[in-house]
Structures are given as structure tokens and as C-alpha cells.
Amino acid sequence: MARDKSTLLYAETHEWADVVDDGDSKIATVGISAFAIQQLNDLVYMDLPDVGKKVTAGEEFGEVESVKAVSPLYSPVTGEVIEVHSDLPDQLEQLNADPYDFGWIVKIRIEDEASLGALMDHAAYEKQCAEAG
């Protein structure tokens, strides 16, 4: 089933988070938005964290490189990386076609739900992108 981008949460730095309940905790599947991919253009490399890495909302957890620039990837939530999309760095060309399903980067078990409060809903994120041009 395709992920509905209108239900995702977004960081100002263009990462999205799909948050689901997993019994006692919440899991965030994280990727970068179609807007960010379009701005970066021609991705050539992606550095992903290791499973088990502790991440903090707003802090760098990896990087993506395009022919234009190297951009850090920021975690939208605080928690522990429990899964990494290890096939993604070898198939970066598919990010343009499918940033919200194939393009997930990591899954993070959220350890501080307060970090969700800083994220935007889809309407607020669309407004940010429109203002950025």
C-alpha cells in the first residue's frame, strides 16, 4: 500500500516521518521529501547510519550527495535506528520516482515523543516549500 504523504510529519530540513504505534512504543519511518530530492537533483551517494545508532531530533544521522552539493540528513525524531534501507544507496535513481515508499531511509524507535511536536503537518510543509520557491 502506498504511503499517503498528506498524513506524514515533516521537518523544516525536508525529512518526512511516518509514525506508527508498535505496542509499547512508536516507530518512525524516515525519508526525504520529493521537494528536497528535486532541489538536490542527480543524487550520486548516500551515507546511512548503522542499526543501533542513537539519534536526536534535529541532529545529523547521515548525508546525501548530489552533483550539486553534499547535504546532511537530519533526524526528525529522537530514538534508536532499528532498520536501515540498505538497498537505497545502490538505487538512488528510484528516489525521484518513489520518495515516499521505496525511498524510506531508516526506521527509528522513538524514545522521546516530545520530538514529534516540532514537526509540521503536510499543509504547513507545503506552505514552507511554496515560500522557498
Protein backbone atom coordinates (compact mmCIF):
# COMPACT_ATOMS: atom_id res chain seq x y z
CA MET A 1 0.00 0.00 0.00
CA ALA A 2 1.36 3.39 -0.97
CA ARG A 3 2.25 5.79 1.81
CA ASP A 4 -0.08 8.84 1.95
CA LYS A 5 2.22 11.88 2.06
CA SER A 6 -0.63 14.02 3.40
CA THR A 7 -0.54 12.07 6.69
CA LEU A 8 3.22 12.33 7.22
CA LEU A 9 5.04 14.71 9.55
CA TYR A 10 7.80 16.91 8.14
CA ALA A 11 10.94 18.57 9.49
CA GLU A 12 11.98 22.04 8.32
CA THR A 13 15.03 20.30 6.84
CA HIS A 14 12.79 18.28 4.45
CA GLU A 15 12.85 14.87 6.11
CA TRP A 16 9.46 13.17 6.47
CA ALA A 17 8.35 10.77 9.21
CA ASP A 18 5.60 8.17 9.05
CA VAL A 19 4.83 7.41 12.70
CA VAL A 20 3.00 4.23 13.72
CA ASP A 21 2.25 2.64 17.08
CA ASP A 22 4.20 -0.54 17.80
CA GLY A 23 2.73 -1.76 21.05
CA ASP A 24 4.66 -0.01 23.82
CA SER A 25 6.44 2.46 21.54
CA LYS A 26 6.18 4.35 18.27
CA ILE A 27 8.21 3.71 15.15
CA ALA A 28 9.05 6.48 12.66
CA THR A 29 9.88 5.53 9.10
CA VAL A 30 12.01 8.39 7.77
CA GLY A 31 12.82 9.64 4.27
CA ILE A 32 13.42 12.88 2.40
CA SER A 33 10.67 14.74 0.58
CA ALA A 34 10.13 14.94 -3.16
CA PHE A 35 10.80 18.70 -2.89
CA ALA A 36 14.24 18.05 -1.36
CA ILE A 37 15.09 15.41 -3.95
CA GLN A 38 14.09 17.81 -6.73
CA GLN A 39 16.23 20.58 -5.21
CA LEU A 40 19.27 18.29 -4.84
CA ASN A 41 18.96 16.87 -8.37
CA ASP A 42 21.10 13.95 -9.62
CA LEU A 43 21.87 12.07 -6.41
CA VAL A 44 25.13 10.14 -6.52
CA TYR A 45 25.80 8.92 -2.95
CA MET A 46 24.03 8.37 0.36
CA ASP A 47 25.64 7.61 3.72
CA LEU A 48 23.36 5.78 6.14
CA PRO A 49 23.72 5.18 9.90
CA ASP A 50 24.23 1.78 11.48
CA VAL A 51 21.38 -0.10 13.12
CA GLY A 52 21.50 0.61 16.84
CA LYS A 53 22.70 4.21 16.45
CA LYS A 54 21.06 6.66 18.85
CA VAL A 55 19.78 9.76 17.08
CA THR A 56 18.48 13.06 18.36
CA ALA A 57 15.84 15.19 16.67
CA GLY A 58 17.49 17.91 14.60
CA GLU A 59 20.90 16.25 14.56
CA GLU A 60 22.64 14.75 11.54
CA PHE A 61 22.37 10.97 11.03
CA GLY A 62 23.76 10.65 7.51
CA GLU A 63 24.30 12.55 4.29
CA VAL A 64 23.22 12.60 0.69
CA GLU A 65 25.45 13.80 -2.13
CA SER A 66 24.34 15.15 -5.48
CA VAL A 67 26.30 16.57 -8.36
CA LYS A 68 25.49 20.00 -6.84
CA ALA A 69 26.29 19.54 -3.14
CA VAL A 70 26.59 17.30 -0.10
CA SER A 71 23.61 17.69 2.24
CA PRO A 72 23.27 16.33 5.76
CA LEU A 73 20.29 14.17 6.67
CA TYR A 74 18.73 15.26 9.96
CA SER A 75 16.72 13.01 12.21
CA PRO A 76 13.16 14.30 12.68
CA VAL A 77 12.78 12.33 15.92
CA THR A 78 14.82 11.18 18.92
CA GLY A 79 15.37 7.46 19.29
CA GLU A 80 17.28 4.41 18.08
CA VAL A 81 17.77 3.31 14.47
CA ILE A 82 16.21 -0.16 14.27
CA GLU A 83 16.34 -0.71 10.49
CA VAL A 84 18.24 0.80 7.54
CA HIS A 85 17.17 0.66 3.88
CA SER A 86 20.47 -0.84 2.80
CA ASP A 87 19.45 -1.22 -0.88
CA LEU A 88 18.78 2.50 -1.24
CA PRO A 89 22.35 3.79 -1.81
CA ASP A 90 22.67 1.47 -4.82
CA GLN A 91 19.33 2.59 -6.30
CA LEU A 92 19.28 6.36 -5.71
CA GLU A 93 17.75 6.95 -9.15
CA GLN A 94 14.50 5.46 -7.83
CA LEU A 95 14.16 8.21 -5.21
CA ASN A 96 12.85 10.62 -7.85
CA ALA A 97 10.10 8.22 -8.86
CA ASP A 98 9.11 6.98 -5.40
CA PRO A 99 10.40 9.14 -2.49
CA TYR A 100 7.65 8.12 -0.04
CA ASP A 101 7.61 4.33 -0.42
CA PHE A 102 10.79 2.92 -1.97
CA GLY A 103 12.68 5.98 -0.70
CA TRP A 104 12.44 5.34 3.02
CA ILE A 105 15.87 5.64 4.62
CA VAL A 106 15.69 4.44 8.24
CA LYS A 107 13.22 3.25 10.84
CA ILE A 108 13.64 4.78 14.28
CA ARG A 109 12.10 3.58 17.56
CA ILE A 110 11.04 6.87 19.12
CA GLU A 111 12.40 7.38 22.64
CA ASP A 112 11.19 10.94 23.15
CA GLU A 113 7.73 11.64 21.75
CA ALA A 114 8.17 15.34 22.54
CA SER A 115 10.35 15.47 19.41
CA LEU A 116 7.20 14.94 17.33
CA GLY A 117 5.88 18.32 18.48
CA ALA A 118 8.43 20.20 16.40
CA LEU A 119 7.33 18.57 13.13
CA MET A 120 4.91 20.08 10.61
CA ASP A 121 1.81 18.58 9.06
CA HIS A 122 1.57 18.33 5.28
CA ALA A 123 -0.19 21.69 4.81
CA ALA A 124 2.45 23.58 6.81
CA TYR A 125 5.23 21.80 4.93
CA GLU A 126 3.68 22.60 1.55
CA LYS A 127 3.50 26.26 2.61
CA GLN A 128 7.20 26.20 3.57
CA CYS A 129 8.12 24.71 0.18
CA ALA A 130 6.00 27.27 -1.69
CA GLU A 131 7.70 30.11 0.15
CA ALA A 132 11.12 28.63 -0.63
CA GLY A 133 10.25 28.62 -4.32
